[in-house]
Amino acid sequence: MIKGIGVDICDLRRLNHLDQLAKKILHVDEFSLYLSKGNDKAKREFVGGRFAVKEAFVKAAGYKSFKEICCLNDENGKPYIKDEPCHVSISHENHYAVAFVVIENNGPNQ
């Protein structure tokens, strides 16, 4: 059963001071991935995508600190949120990143 859904779009052109923003919103595991990106375009897309995922997750689940939300990729590149029963989709196009999150209800009392 679906517990919540959320969607968000991020205009990548509005992301300034990337390193500062990344430190502020990324989980430590995400920040390591951010640092491995080879250029500003890749870093901007990564931060924008993760920002959109975190906003979408908060819309679906309610408040949670952005730094507590950790979006990683499995061995096939599929995004997931660590320790959360949800589905995640991220897409990038030109100057935008969009994310969609669906949270599942895993128990009878949830």
C-alpha atoms as a PDB file:
ATOM      1  CA  MET A   1       0.000   0.000   0.000  1.00  0.00           C
ATOM      2  CA  ILE A   2       1.252   3.499  -0.781  1.00  0.00           C
ATOM      3  CA  LYS A   3       1.905   5.669   2.261  1.00  0.00           C
ATOM      4  CA  GLY A   4       2.931   8.829   0.408  1.00  0.00           C
ATOM      5  CA  ILE A   5       4.119  10.313  -2.878  1.00  0.00           C
ATOM      6  CA  GLY A   6       6.227  13.354  -3.606  1.00  0.00           C
ATOM      7  CA  VAL A   7       7.658  15.095  -6.638  1.00  0.00           C
ATOM      8  CA  ASP A   8      10.030  18.026  -7.032  1.00  0.00           C
ATOM      9  CA  ILE A   9      11.792  19.877  -9.830  1.00  0.00           C
ATOM     10  CA  CYS A  10      15.014  21.831  -9.422  1.00  0.00           C
ATOM     11  CA  ASP A  11      16.299  24.537 -11.763  1.00  0.00           C
ATOM     12  CA  LEU A  12      20.032  23.788 -11.884  1.00  0.00           C
ATOM     13  CA  ARG A  13      20.796  27.384 -12.880  1.00  0.00           C
ATOM     14  CA  ARG A  14      19.674  28.520  -9.426  1.00  0.00           C
ATOM     15  CA  LEU A  15      22.265  26.412  -7.610  1.00  0.00           C
ATOM     16  CA  ASN A  16      25.095  28.694  -6.519  1.00  0.00           C
ATOM     17  CA  HIS A  17      28.112  28.037  -4.301  1.00  0.00           C
ATOM     18  CA  LEU A  18      27.913  24.307  -5.028  1.00  0.00           C
ATOM     19  CA  ASP A  19      30.477  23.141  -2.472  1.00  0.00           C
ATOM     20  CA  GLN A  20      28.736  25.103   0.287  1.00  0.00           C
ATOM     21  CA  LEU A  21      25.309  23.813  -0.719  1.00  0.00           C
ATOM     22  CA  ALA A  22      26.586  20.236  -1.006  1.00  0.00           C
ATOM     23  CA  LYS A  23      28.031  20.365   2.520  1.00  0.00           C
ATOM     24  CA  LYS A  24      24.752  21.766   3.816  1.00  0.00           C
ATOM     25  CA  ILE A  25      22.309  19.256   2.287  1.00  0.00           C
ATOM     26  CA  LEU A  26      24.197  16.054   1.426  1.00  0.00           C
ATOM     27  CA  HIS A  27      24.565  13.056   3.707  1.00  0.00           C
ATOM     28  CA  VAL A  28      28.225  12.103   4.278  1.00  0.00           C
ATOM     29  CA  ASP A  29      27.900   9.147   1.853  1.00  0.00           C
ATOM     30  CA  GLU A  30      26.409  11.414  -0.824  1.00  0.00           C
ATOM     31  CA  PHE A  31      29.099  14.036  -0.263  1.00  0.00           C
ATOM     32  CA  SER A  32      31.796  11.453  -1.049  1.00  0.00           C
ATOM     33  CA  LEU A  33      30.075  10.775  -4.374  1.00  0.00           C
ATOM     34  CA  TYR A  34      29.780  14.515  -5.030  1.00  0.00           C
ATOM     35  CA  LEU A  35      33.521  14.973  -4.555  1.00  0.00           C
ATOM     36  CA  SER A  36      34.216  12.214  -7.095  1.00  0.00           C
ATOM     37  CA  LYS A  37      32.380  14.098  -9.874  1.00  0.00           C
ATOM     38  CA  GLY A  38      34.845  15.289 -12.506  1.00  0.00           C
ATOM     39  CA  ASN A  39      33.495  18.728 -13.391  1.00  0.00           C
ATOM     40  CA  ASP A  40      31.086  21.480 -12.326  1.00  0.00           C
ATOM     41  CA  LYS A  41      28.317  20.304 -14.683  1.00  0.00           C
ATOM     42  CA  ALA A  42      28.340  16.805 -13.161  1.00  0.00           C
ATOM     43  CA  LYS A  43      28.485  18.237  -9.635  1.00  0.00           C
ATOM     44  CA  ARG A  44      25.592  20.621 -10.368  1.00  0.00           C
ATOM     45  CA  GLU A  45      23.451  17.791 -11.785  1.00  0.00           C
ATOM     46  CA  PHE A  46      24.272  15.580  -8.794  1.00  0.00           C
ATOM     47  CA  VAL A  47      23.402  18.234  -6.204  1.00  0.00           C
ATOM     48  CA  GLY A  48      20.268  19.281  -8.113  1.00  0.00           C
ATOM     49  CA  GLY A  49      19.072  15.695  -8.405  1.00  0.00           C
ATOM     50  CA  ARG A  50      19.713  14.976  -4.740  1.00  0.00           C
ATOM     51  CA  PHE A  51      18.003  18.236  -3.722  1.00  0.00           C
ATOM     52  CA  ALA A  52      14.933  17.242  -5.759  1.00  0.00           C
ATOM     53  CA  VAL A  53      14.924  13.740  -4.219  1.00  0.00           C
ATOM     54  CA  LYS A  54      15.103  15.128  -0.702  1.00  0.00           C
ATOM     55  CA  GLU A  55      12.299  17.632  -1.367  1.00  0.00           C
ATOM     56  CA  ALA A  56      10.157  14.878  -2.914  1.00  0.00           C
ATOM     57  CA  PHE A  57      10.849  12.566   0.041  1.00  0.00           C
ATOM     58  CA  VAL A  58       9.873  15.245   2.568  1.00  0.00           C
ATOM     59  CA  LYS A  59       6.643  15.872   0.638  1.00  0.00           C
ATOM     60  CA  ALA A  60       5.863  12.143   0.756  1.00  0.00           C
ATOM     61  CA  ALA A  61       6.936  11.386   4.321  1.00  0.00           C
ATOM     62  CA  GLY A  62       6.725  14.634   6.244  1.00  0.00           C
ATOM     63  CA  TYR A  63       9.626  16.533   7.765  1.00  0.00           C
ATOM     64  CA  LYS A  64      13.075  14.994   7.914  1.00  0.00           C
ATOM     65  CA  SER A  65      16.424  16.768   7.830  1.00  0.00           C
ATOM     66  CA  PHE A  66      18.001  16.782   4.359  1.00  0.00           C
ATOM     67  CA  LYS A  67      21.293  15.498   5.794  1.00  0.00           C
ATOM     68  CA  GLU A  68      19.447  12.467   7.230  1.00  0.00           C
ATOM     69  CA  ILE A  69      18.082  11.515   3.799  1.00  0.00           C
ATOM     70  CA  CYS A  70      20.698   9.518   1.912  1.00  0.00           C
ATOM     71  CA  CYS A  71      20.042   8.815  -1.772  1.00  0.00           C
ATOM     72  CA  LEU A  72      22.503   6.353  -3.310  1.00  0.00           C
ATOM     73  CA  ASN A  73      22.552   4.183  -6.432  1.00  0.00           C
ATOM     74  CA  ASP A  74      22.550   0.397  -6.577  1.00  0.00           C
ATOM     75  CA  GLU A  75      24.953  -1.623  -8.744  1.00  0.00           C
ATOM     76  CA  ASN A  76      22.727  -0.987 -11.778  1.00  0.00           C
ATOM     77  CA  GLY A  77      22.556   2.775 -11.202  1.00  0.00           C
ATOM     78  CA  LYS A  78      19.011   2.755  -9.823  1.00  0.00           C
ATOM     79  CA  PRO A  79      18.560   5.395  -7.100  1.00  0.00           C
ATOM     80  CA  TYR A  80      17.263   4.440  -3.670  1.00  0.00           C
ATOM     81  CA  ILE A  81      16.976   6.064  -0.254  1.00  0.00           C
ATOM     82  CA  LYS A  82      19.024   4.262   2.355  1.00  0.00           C
ATOM     83  CA  ASP A  83      16.951   2.559   5.072  1.00  0.00           C
ATOM     84  CA  GLU A  84      13.605   3.728   3.671  1.00  0.00           C
ATOM     85  CA  PRO A  85      10.868   1.584   2.054  1.00  0.00           C
ATOM     86  CA  CYS A  86      10.418   3.702  -1.042  1.00  0.00           C
ATOM     87  CA  HIS A  87      10.914   3.972  -4.785  1.00  0.00           C
ATOM     88  CA  VAL A  88      12.896   6.815  -6.329  1.00  0.00           C
ATOM     89  CA  SER A  89      13.226   8.177  -9.839  1.00  0.00           C
ATOM     90  CA  ILE A  90      15.530  11.042 -10.854  1.00  0.00           C
ATOM     91  CA  SER A  91      15.750  12.622 -14.298  1.00  0.00           C
ATOM     92  CA  HIS A  92      17.861  15.431 -15.738  1.00  0.00           C
ATOM     93  CA  GLU A  93      17.100  17.523 -18.813  1.00  0.00           C
ATOM     94  CA  ASN A  94      19.028  20.620 -19.824  1.00  0.00           C
ATOM     95  CA  HIS A  95      18.741  22.967 -16.833  1.00  0.00           C
ATOM     96  CA  TYR A  96      16.417  20.845 -14.711  1.00  0.00           C
ATOM     97  CA  ALA A  97      16.448  17.864 -12.383  1.00  0.00           C
ATOM     98  CA  VAL A  98      13.196  16.212 -11.341  1.00  0.00           C
ATOM     99  CA  ALA A  99      12.595  13.508  -8.745  1.00  0.00           C
ATOM    100  CA  PHE A 100       9.641  11.350  -7.804  1.00  0.00           C
ATOM    101  CA  VAL A 101       9.380   9.351  -4.564  1.00  0.00           C
ATOM    102  CA  VAL A 102       6.790   6.740  -3.601  1.00  0.00           C
ATOM    103  CA  ILE A 103       6.826   5.499  -0.008  1.00  0.00           C
ATOM    104  CA  GLU A 104       5.340   2.126   0.766  1.00  0.00           C
ATOM    105  CA  ASN A 105       3.521   1.128   3.913  1.00  0.00           C
ATOM    106  CA  ASN A 106       5.335  -2.036   5.005  1.00  0.00           C
ATOM    107  CA  GLY A 107       3.293  -3.027   8.035  1.00  0.00           C
ATOM    108  CA  PRO A 108      -0.309  -3.369   9.181  1.00  0.00           C
ATOM    109  CA  ASN A 109       0.058  -0.574  11.766  1.00  0.00           C
ATOM    110  CA  GLN A 110       1.996   1.928   9.654  1.00  0.00           C
END
